[in-house]
Amino acid sequence: MNNTESFKLTTPEATIFLQRLGSGPPLLLLHGFPQTHLMWRDVAPLLAKHFTVICADLRGYGRSSCPSSDADHTPYSKRAMANDMVLIMEQLGFPKFSVAGHDRGGRVAYRLALDHPERVERLAVLDVIPTAEVWDAADKRFATAFWPWSLLTQPAPFPEMLIANAPEAVIDNALNEWGTPGTVFPARVRNAYIEPLKNSAHVHAICEDYRASVMLDYDHDMHDLNNGHRIKCPVLALWSADSALDNWYKKEGGPLAIWRKWAYNVQGWPVSGGHFFPEEIPEETAIALTQFFL
């Protein structure tokens, strides 16, 4: 990304790599699995015409550090990841900001909005529904289609060993089989996504991210849901048309109905493209985000 400043900021638990570009109201962009901040390479410059855009690598991913974990996977709960983002945005001089998250980043983003309502002005969640909803509706379709949720949650070191021995296979499966044409990802991007999976600390951290979703993230979600805690800021939900999100949750009313259980003010729609639609249709994604966040 041109005219971009790259640097790292330290929190009490992690060192976070980020890029900053543009000027205007602050907008934090969070990536998913198996990506890094690089997923926003074509979206961020378009948003930077209106916003100060911050693209961060989540702890455990990309160029960010990999804190030691514990038996409960607490350091890789979305609550811990969200706390990182609050602290780095505060260091940048942004006590309040908007946030958009795709995939795992969407889970960090909505947890951030639930835990820190005074911080988040607007929230966009891309191709994701809340973790508790995912697990409660999980069936054989889910188990076979979304292998990271079932494989990466297995006890260490089994999934770590598999990934470490075939990082290219992991990336190729994700980038070629999740609804987005593989041609969307140039070699430099594909290689940038492969590189962290060659590092044992990053591989373990990514597995811990998924392990945390089974217990802590689920428990945090259910506590909020059962106690009537809802996202207070406006929410934009975008998801891939003709995808699992678009088709599997019809009895629940679809993604919009699900998010309206969790937030007071939700709008959204399906967009063309596969799971990685911010990389596949960056202009359309940027337009939708710009109109929502302005």
Protein backbone atom coordinates (compact mmCIF):
# COMPACT_ATOMS: atom_id res chain seq x y z
CA MET A 1 0.00 0.00 0.00
CA ASN A 2 1.51 3.30 -1.09
CA ASN A 3 1.98 6.23 1.33
CA THR A 4 1.73 3.82 4.21
CA GLU A 5 3.52 3.98 7.53
CA SER A 6 4.44 0.60 9.05
CA PHE A 7 5.42 0.13 12.69
CA LYS A 8 4.85 -1.88 15.87
CA LEU A 9 3.24 -0.94 19.15
CA THR A 10 3.55 -2.84 22.41
CA THR A 11 0.79 -3.72 24.86
CA PRO A 12 1.37 -5.44 28.23
CA GLU A 13 0.85 -8.81 26.53
CA ALA A 14 1.80 -8.46 22.86
CA THR A 15 3.59 -6.51 20.17
CA ILE A 16 1.24 -5.58 17.36
CA PHE A 17 2.33 -4.83 13.81
CA LEU A 18 0.22 -2.26 12.01
CA GLN A 19 0.07 0.00 9.02
CA ARG A 20 -1.44 3.48 8.94
CA LEU A 21 -2.53 5.52 5.96
CA GLY A 22 -4.87 8.38 5.15
CA SER A 23 -6.41 11.03 7.38
CA GLY A 24 -9.76 11.67 8.94
CA PRO A 25 -11.84 9.67 11.44
CA PRO A 26 -10.04 6.53 12.68
CA LEU A 27 -11.02 3.19 11.17
CA LEU A 28 -9.45 -0.07 12.34
CA LEU A 29 -9.37 -3.02 9.91
CA LEU A 30 -8.89 -6.58 11.22
CA HIS A 31 -8.05 -9.61 9.08
CA GLY A 32 -9.11 -13.23 9.27
CA PHE A 33 -7.54 -16.68 8.87
CA PRO A 34 -5.21 -17.44 7.16
CA GLN A 35 -4.52 -13.85 6.25
CA THR A 36 -2.71 -10.84 7.67
CA HIS A 37 -3.15 -7.06 7.37
CA LEU A 38 -2.24 -7.60 3.70
CA MET A 39 -5.81 -8.66 2.93
CA TRP A 40 -6.76 -4.96 2.99
CA ARG A 41 -4.12 -4.00 0.39
CA ASP A 42 -6.70 -2.83 -2.19
CA VAL A 43 -9.47 -1.73 0.19
CA ALA A 44 -7.42 0.41 2.58
CA PRO A 45 -6.18 2.97 0.00
CA LEU A 46 -9.76 3.59 -1.08
CA LEU A 47 -10.91 4.04 2.52
CA ALA A 48 -7.91 6.27 3.22
CA LYS A 49 -9.50 8.97 1.05
CA HIS A 50 -11.90 9.55 3.94
CA PHE A 51 -10.40 7.92 7.05
CA THR A 52 -7.23 7.35 9.02
CA VAL A 53 -6.98 3.65 8.30
CA ILE A 54 -5.20 1.30 10.71
CA CYS A 55 -4.54 -2.24 9.46
CA ALA A 56 -3.31 -4.46 12.28
CA ASP A 57 -2.02 -8.01 12.48
CA LEU A 58 -3.85 -9.81 15.29
CA ARG A 59 -1.66 -11.30 18.02
CA GLY A 60 -0.30 -14.59 16.76
CA TYR A 61 -0.66 -13.64 13.11
CA GLY A 62 1.55 -12.01 10.51
CA ARG A 63 4.25 -9.81 12.03
CA SER A 64 2.66 -9.52 15.47
CA SER A 65 4.03 -11.42 18.44
CA CYS A 66 2.84 -14.75 19.78
CA PRO A 67 2.22 -14.52 23.55
CA SER A 68 2.56 -17.70 25.56
CA SER A 69 -0.76 -19.41 26.09
CA ASP A 70 -2.29 -21.28 29.02
CA ALA A 71 -4.48 -24.32 29.61
CA ASP A 72 -7.64 -22.29 29.00
CA HIS A 73 -6.22 -20.55 25.88
CA THR A 74 -6.98 -17.22 27.57
CA PRO A 75 -4.35 -15.16 25.70
CA TYR A 76 -6.05 -16.08 22.42
CA SER A 77 -9.60 -15.35 23.43
CA LYS A 78 -11.21 -12.66 21.33
CA ARG A 79 -11.47 -10.63 24.53
CA ALA A 80 -7.66 -10.59 24.83
CA MET A 81 -7.24 -9.80 21.15
CA ALA A 82 -9.79 -6.99 21.42
CA ASN A 83 -7.93 -5.52 24.39
CA ASP A 84 -4.81 -5.30 22.21
CA MET A 85 -6.72 -3.19 19.72
CA VAL A 86 -8.11 -0.84 22.38
CA LEU A 87 -4.59 -0.25 23.69
CA ILE A 88 -2.93 0.34 20.33
CA MET A 89 -5.68 2.70 19.17
CA GLU A 90 -5.32 4.63 22.41
CA GLN A 91 -1.57 4.90 21.85
CA LEU A 92 -2.29 6.29 18.41
CA GLY A 93 -4.50 8.96 19.96
CA PHE A 94 -7.83 7.36 19.10
CA PRO A 95 -9.85 6.63 22.27
CA LYS A 96 -12.90 6.21 20.02
CA PHE A 97 -12.90 4.64 16.58
CA SER A 98 -14.80 2.48 14.11
CA VAL A 99 -13.81 -1.06 13.25
CA ALA A 100 -14.34 -3.56 10.45
CA GLY A 101 -13.36 -7.20 10.76
CA HIS A 102 -13.37 -10.12 8.36
CA ASP A 103 -13.56 -13.75 9.49
CA ARG A 104 -11.53 -14.10 12.75
CA GLY A 105 -11.08 -10.34 12.75
CA GLY A 106 -14.85 -9.99 12.72
CA ARG A 107 -15.00 -12.00 15.94
CA VAL A 108 -12.41 -9.73 17.54
CA ALA A 109 -14.31 -6.70 16.26
CA TYR A 110 -17.71 -7.62 17.69
CA ARG A 111 -16.15 -8.68 21.01
CA LEU A 112 -14.45 -5.28 21.09
CA ALA A 113 -17.82 -3.59 20.61
CA LEU A 114 -19.43 -5.69 23.37
CA ASP A 115 -16.60 -5.26 25.89
CA HIS A 116 -15.79 -1.63 25.11
CA PRO A 117 -19.01 0.08 23.96
CA GLU A 118 -17.60 3.48 24.85
CA ARG A 119 -14.78 2.96 22.33
CA VAL A 120 -16.52 1.74 19.19
CA GLU A 121 -18.56 4.18 17.14
CA ARG A 122 -19.51 1.85 14.29
CA LEU A 123 -18.88 -1.83 13.56
CA ALA A 124 -18.75 -3.81 10.32
CA VAL A 125 -18.60 -7.62 10.38
CA LEU A 126 -17.66 -9.36 7.14
CA ASP A 127 -18.71 -12.96 6.39
CA VAL A 128 -19.17 -13.92 10.01
CA ILE A 129 -21.85 -14.56 12.61
CA PRO A 130 -21.24 -14.72 16.38
CA THR A 131 -19.19 -17.64 17.62
CA ALA A 132 -21.92 -18.96 19.92
CA GLU A 133 -24.33 -19.04 16.98
CA VAL A 134 -21.81 -20.97 14.89
CA TRP A 135 -21.28 -23.67 17.50
CA ASP A 136 -24.95 -23.98 18.42
CA ALA A 137 -25.92 -24.54 14.78
CA ALA A 138 -22.93 -26.75 13.90
CA ASP A 139 -23.79 -29.95 12.03
CA LYS A 140 -22.12 -32.35 9.62
CA ARG A 141 -22.10 -29.71 6.88
CA PHE A 142 -20.19 -27.39 9.15
CA ALA A 143 -17.77 -30.08 10.35
CA THR A 144 -16.84 -31.06 6.81
CA ALA A 145 -16.85 -27.62 5.14
CA PHE A 146 -15.11 -25.51 7.80
CA TRP A 147 -12.24 -27.79 8.73
CA PRO A 148 -10.27 -25.16 10.73
CA TRP A 149 -13.01 -25.08 13.37
CA SER A 150 -12.80 -28.82 13.98
CA LEU A 151 -9.15 -29.55 13.15
CA LEU A 152 -7.38 -26.60 14.76
CA THR A 153 -9.28 -27.00 18.02
CA GLN A 154 -7.74 -30.43 18.61
CA PRO A 155 -5.18 -30.65 21.44
CA ALA A 156 -1.60 -29.67 20.72
CA PRO A 157 0.60 -30.69 19.06
CA PHE A 158 -1.47 -32.66 16.54
CA PRO A 159 -2.83 -29.81 14.36
CA GLU A 160 0.39 -27.84 14.75
CA MET A 161 2.36 -30.73 13.30
CA LEU A 162 0.02 -31.08 10.33
CA ILE A 163 0.16 -27.39 9.46
CA ALA A 164 3.90 -27.09 9.97
CA ASN A 165 4.49 -29.96 7.56
CA ALA A 166 2.19 -28.65 4.84
CA PRO A 167 1.74 -24.84 5.11
CA GLU A 168 1.32 -24.48 1.34
CA ALA A 169 -1.50 -27.04 1.35
CA VAL A 170 -3.34 -25.10 4.07
CA ILE A 171 -3.12 -21.83 2.17
CA ASP A 172 -3.94 -23.40 -1.18
CA ASN A 173 -7.06 -25.04 0.22
CA ALA A 174 -8.31 -21.82 1.78
CA LEU A 175 -7.54 -19.52 -1.10
CA ASN A 176 -8.74 -21.89 -3.82
CA GLU A 177 -11.69 -23.64 -2.18
CA TRP A 178 -13.57 -21.06 -0.11
CA GLY A 179 -15.49 -19.48 -2.96
CA THR A 180 -12.94 -16.93 -4.18
CA PRO A 181 -10.95 -17.71 -7.36
CA GLY A 182 -7.33 -18.49 -6.61
CA THR A 183 -6.30 -16.00 -9.29
CA VAL A 184 -7.32 -13.19 -6.90
CA PHE A 185 -4.18 -13.84 -4.86
CA PRO A 186 -0.89 -12.93 -6.58
CA ALA A 187 2.18 -14.96 -5.69
CA ARG A 188 3.55 -12.35 -3.29
CA VAL A 189 0.29 -12.36 -1.31
CA ARG A 190 0.03 -16.13 -1.25
CA ASN A 191 3.64 -16.36 -0.08
CA ALA A 192 3.00 -13.74 2.61
CA TYR A 193 0.16 -15.88 3.96
CA ILE A 194 2.29 -19.03 3.82
CA GLU A 195 5.31 -17.54 5.59
CA PRO A 196 3.86 -17.31 9.15
CA LEU A 197 2.75 -20.94 8.89
CA LYS A 198 6.40 -21.93 8.62
CA ASN A 199 6.96 -20.56 12.12
CA SER A 200 6.02 -22.90 14.96
CA ALA A 201 5.08 -20.06 17.33
CA HIS A 202 2.62 -18.61 14.83
CA VAL A 203 1.15 -22.00 14.03
CA HIS A 204 0.58 -22.70 17.72
CA ALA A 205 -0.92 -19.24 18.23
CA ILE A 206 -3.37 -19.69 15.37
CA CYS A 207 -4.47 -23.05 16.76
CA GLU A 208 -4.89 -21.43 20.17
CA ASP A 209 -7.13 -18.80 18.55
CA TYR A 210 -9.44 -21.59 17.36
CA ARG A 211 -9.20 -23.51 20.65
CA ALA A 212 -10.28 -20.40 22.53
CA SER A 213 -13.45 -20.24 20.45
CA VAL A 214 -14.69 -23.56 21.84
CA MET A 215 -14.84 -22.52 25.47
CA LEU A 216 -13.90 -18.95 26.38
CA ASP A 217 -15.26 -17.18 23.32
CA TYR A 218 -18.44 -19.25 23.47
CA ASP A 219 -18.82 -18.58 27.19
CA HIS A 220 -18.25 -14.84 26.76
CA ASP A 221 -20.86 -14.75 24.01
CA MET A 222 -23.43 -16.68 26.00
CA HIS A 223 -22.89 -14.52 29.07
CA ASP A 224 -23.69 -11.44 27.02
CA LEU A 225 -26.66 -13.02 25.29
CA ASN A 226 -28.15 -14.41 28.48
CA ASN A 227 -27.72 -11.11 30.32
CA GLY A 228 -29.18 -8.94 27.60
CA HIS A 229 -25.88 -7.29 26.66
CA ARG A 230 -26.11 -6.14 23.06
CA ILE A 231 -23.90 -4.16 20.72
CA LYS A 232 -24.90 -0.53 21.10
CA CYS A 233 -23.30 1.03 18.05
CA PRO A 234 -24.64 0.72 14.48
CA VAL A 235 -23.62 -2.54 12.79
CA LEU A 236 -23.09 -3.39 9.13
CA ALA A 237 -23.10 -7.09 8.27
CA LEU A 238 -21.86 -8.15 4.82
CA TRP A 239 -21.54 -11.73 3.71
CA SER A 240 -20.76 -13.75 0.61
CA ALA A 241 -23.77 -14.38 -1.61
CA ASP A 242 -24.61 -18.04 -2.25
CA SER A 243 -22.27 -19.06 0.57
CA ALA A 244 -22.76 -21.10 3.72
CA LEU A 245 -23.76 -17.97 5.63
CA ASP A 246 -26.29 -17.15 2.94
CA ASN A 247 -27.79 -20.64 2.81
CA TRP A 248 -27.29 -22.51 6.07
CA TYR A 249 -29.10 -20.23 8.49
CA LYS A 250 -32.45 -19.75 6.80
CA LYS A 251 -34.43 -21.19 9.72
CA GLU A 252 -32.75 -18.60 11.96
CA GLY A 253 -33.76 -15.89 9.49
CA GLY A 254 -30.34 -15.51 7.90
CA PRO A 255 -27.33 -13.45 8.99
CA LEU A 256 -29.27 -10.22 9.52
CA ALA A 257 -31.77 -11.83 11.86
CA ILE A 258 -28.94 -13.47 13.78
CA TRP A 259 -27.03 -10.21 14.21
CA ARG A 260 -30.21 -8.44 15.32
CA LYS A 261 -30.22 -10.73 18.37
CA TRP A 262 -26.83 -9.27 19.27
CA ALA A 263 -27.14 -5.61 18.32
CA TYR A 264 -29.79 -2.88 18.39
CA ASN A 265 -29.12 -1.34 14.99
CA VAL A 266 -28.12 -3.68 12.16
CA GLN A 267 -28.14 -3.31 8.40
CA GLY A 268 -26.53 -5.48 5.76
CA TRP A 269 -26.77 -7.62 2.65
CA PRO A 270 -25.03 -10.38 0.70
CA VAL A 271 -22.33 -9.28 -1.73
CA SER A 272 -20.91 -10.91 -4.83
CA GLY A 273 -17.74 -12.91 -4.37
CA GLY A 274 -16.55 -15.71 -2.16
CA HIS A 275 -15.39 -15.75 1.44
CA PHE A 276 -12.45 -13.49 0.66
CA PHE A 277 -14.60 -10.86 -1.02
CA PRO A 278 -12.59 -7.88 0.32
CA GLU A 279 -9.72 -9.16 -1.83
CA GLU A 280 -11.96 -10.30 -4.69
CA ILE A 281 -14.14 -7.17 -5.01
CA PRO A 282 -12.21 -4.44 -3.17
CA GLU A 283 -13.99 -1.53 -4.85
CA GLU A 284 -17.46 -2.81 -3.95
CA THR A 285 -16.29 -3.59 -0.42
CA ALA A 286 -14.73 -0.14 -0.01
CA ILE A 287 -17.86 1.62 -1.26
CA ALA A 288 -20.08 -0.26 1.19
CA LEU A 289 -17.73 0.45 4.10
CA THR A 290 -17.26 4.10 3.16
CA GLN A 291 -20.98 4.76 2.96
CA PHE A 292 -21.53 3.08 6.33
CA PHE A 293 -18.66 4.66 8.23
CA LEU A 294 -18.97 8.21 6.91
